[in-house]
Amino acid sequence: MKLGKTYNPSDHELDIYKLWEETGAFTPKNRGGQGSFTITVPPPNANGNLHLGHGLTIAIEDVATRYQRMQGKAALLLPGADHAGFETQVVYEKVLASNEKSRFDFSREELYSQIWDFVAENKDNYQTQFRKLGASVDWSRYVYTLDKKIVDRAYETFQKMWNEGLIYRGERLVNFCTHHGTGFADIEVEYRNVKGYLWHIDYPLTDGSGKVTVATTRPETMLGDVAVAVHPDDKKLAKFVGKTIKLPLTNREIPIIADEMVQTEFGTGAVKITPAHDQNDYEVAERHDLPMITVISHEGKMTHEAGDFAGLEVKQARKQVVKALEAEKLLAKTEDYEHSVGHCYKCGTVIEPLLREQWFINMKPLAKEALKALEAEKIKFYPDNKRTQLIEYLKNLRDWNISRQIAWGIPIPAFQNIDDEQDWIFDTRVKQETIEVNGKTYRRDPDVFDTWFSSSSWPYATLDYPDGKDFNEHYPLSLMETGADILYPWVSRMIMFGLYVTGEVPFKQVYLHGLIQDEHGAKMSKSKGNVVNPMEKIDQYGSDAFRMGIIADESAGNNRPYDESKLIGARNFCNKLWNIARFIENKVGDTPKRGSVVPKTISDHWVLARLKSASERVGELLENYQLAEAYEVIYHAVWDDVADWYIEASKSSENDGMLGYVLEVILKLAHPFAPFVTEAIWQNLGDNKENLLITAPWPIVTDYDNQKAKEFEQIKALITELRQLSKNLKLSKPTLNHTVSSLISENDALIKQLTGAGEIVQSSSTKGVRLLSAQAWLDVEDSKLKEYQKEITEKIKAKKAAIDNFNKRLANRSYTENAPKHIVEETMHARSKTESNLDLLETELKRFS
């Protein structure tokens, strides 16, 4: 069957993916004892559509997996989906709101059941989109984070920690969203800079001898103050330690204490201590045995402890407290103040640090083992500086609050004695609200696990730890590839849990990609309207073009702007592959004779040398996950070496076997990046229909004569120079004179074909323009030379004028200090480029003068 005139991705992609699935190409098979290569895909939200970050994740992981499969390894790319507890419930609550309902209209069991059905209706979207991306995942191993084996593993891990004393229940400050009614771990809080005020409040000393002034951004919380702290070395304020003050707007008396936590440079040097609403204050209160007074409720309103302000929402209370302080002349001053404030990453509500009984994990023992592994470099990081960052993070790790006050998730398997609130037991009968044990009635904790708790077991739970065949063959994972933004919430915990449960690191390597931003460098979000839908881009350009385009600028750990021109360039690359295949098919027929791969011409030897170099270099780069660089090598090997040079050279020779072989090699090289177009071409080759490119071996290029390859390089340099001279001097069919050169004589037909030269004459004449690439001269009329000299002179003049303008602009301080930084940098880059062009022009003028 002949290839169509043009490559239309939508005509091939569905059929090609179906072919891969039906033939079991994604099932890991060891081809030649090369071992295994395993990635478990970071599970996207089962309910959502894939975003650009997911597209990048799949592109990176699939390129790595396809390459390793071609190396003969049992390559497994294991897919899965995340129940995404909090995020999914938020989405479903919006659905309820559109129907004028809320979560409070249903029991937890009813809400859980509704969300389950809601997710089930939408989760096929995710699998369809994975297929569109060309992900070579083994669907028979698909895992959902609410599958029994994942839930069981979460419970077994919780029980192990429970038995070993790492799980404890305590009233601690938690990050609480009063809108969604749930707590968050520290690393889930989104901090934003907020413009507000710093209020300076006078606290009168009880003995009437004076006052201490404190500064705060939250005057409403003063109603819960239990002390005022100063630094013990503060010469001005340390004298007040031991005295008491009368807390404004209340009838309470609180002490002045000394604590090294106080930063003397902030505010007045005296700090109000509100342990029920600030983490630092909580720690101070524990050190000094101070009480905890809660003045803000979990609903975001002031409690009865706030006295006259009880029942007010926080923002209302703030205004009323300031007003009352002003009335009592206790507000010393107010100043503008910008500071970082924690927000809920979903709804934007200000996070309230609130006291709440939750389940916590003592992280210190887990972090200790992870630190040992990281410091011993048992896991290779890309980029390496992320390992150092993770080490520093783990050194200061706080205990993890794993309780979430939502319905959608894995219920915490803990039950409380209804007659003794201190009596808790572990039990997995979570479908029952109450259970009987030894004659006692226990009620189930209504909370669910933080989603990250179950996800932390992803590398080994998906592989059926501890006795599964997959676990024995594929653990530790070869690579964990994910976003750099979840290094702390996910990667760190997978390392800790993997070591704690299995005794081994969960993966040998970690690759962290950065964020893809919009073209202006801003974060993409639906609210900004700057989101790029990967499925729309696949429909527009094809899956291969999307994959290559999104990888083209990839560099581990670095954020970068989305660049659609890269997708366009990748689409053109697919078309170039198709056109090469069509040329070869038309020249040699449907069945290229690849069995007779014998290089005959110097161009044959040269292309083999170039392809061998490309194959080896791409292999080196892919082993180190330098995907953008590998793609660049493949791109130039196909476009420059094969299409621009070898295909053109082959038009004047006959070697069908070589053409077919060259096509096979470039299809194999490009396959990990462009699986659809390469497989479509491969399946069209006559004797490949029983085989798949996806499972073909990586190319090992056949032998060639290096001297003959170098000879073609010489001819290539001559042709390039001759083309440029003919263009610059506006020559038509110029005559080329050369001294005795068998290389030029033997290849004169090729030189004429590729340059449009007229006569190529062996002569002792040195008249004309001397070529730099060979002992040869181009016969050129004097009038042509003078015309070109004039043209260069004019260009030099224009370049010098442009450089003067750039210099004037960059010497203007108003421009360099006030213009956007990127505009100034663009100007500097333009000047540098113009200076380089000027140097080339001046060199060219000297040559022709």
Foldseek 3Di string as FASTA:
>chain_A
DADDPFDDQVVFLVVVLVVCQVVVVLQFDQAPPPAAAEEEQQAEALQDADFPQSLQSLLLVLLLQLQVLLQRHRGAHAYEHEPQFPVLLVVVQVVQVVVVHGPVVDDLVVSQVVSVVSSVVRRVNHVVVSSQLVRSHDVVLYYYCPPPLLLVVLQVLVVVLVVVVQKDKDWAWFFAFLVSLKTDWPLQWDKDKDKAKKWWFWWAFPVRPGTDIAIDRQLLLLLQFAEKEAACPPPVPVVQAPTWTQRPPDRDIHGYHHDNVFDCVPDNRIYTQALQWDPVSVVVCVVVVTDHDDQADSNQFGPCSSPPRGPHHRVVSRVVSVVVSVVVVGTPDMDIDIDMFIARPPPRGTTTGGTDIFMWGNCLVLLVVLLVCLVVLQAAEAVNVLSVVLNVDSVPDDITGFWIQHSHANFQQKWAFPVDRVDIDGDRPVVDQWDADPNTITGGDRTHTDSLSSLLCVLQSSQPPDDHPSCVRQFLHAEHERAPSCCPSHVSSNQSSCCVPVVDGSYRYYFHWYAADAPVQHRDDVVVVRTDHLVVLCSVQNSLLSSQLSLQPTGTPDYYYRDCVSSVVRSVLLRLLSVLLSLLCVVQNLAQPQVDQDDDALLLQQLLVLLQVLLVVLVVCSVVSVRNVNSVSLSCNSVPSVVVPSSLLCVVDDDRNSSVVSSLQSLLSCCSSRVRSSQVSQCSRDPCVVDTSSSHHHDNGDDHDVVSSVLVVLLVLVLVQLQVCCVLLVHAQWEKEAADDVSCVVCVVSSCSSRRHHHYYHDPDQPAAQDPSHRMHIHDDPVSLVVSLVVLVVLLVVLVVLLVVLVVQLVDCCNCVPPPPVVNVVSVVVNVVSVVVNVVSVVVSVRSD
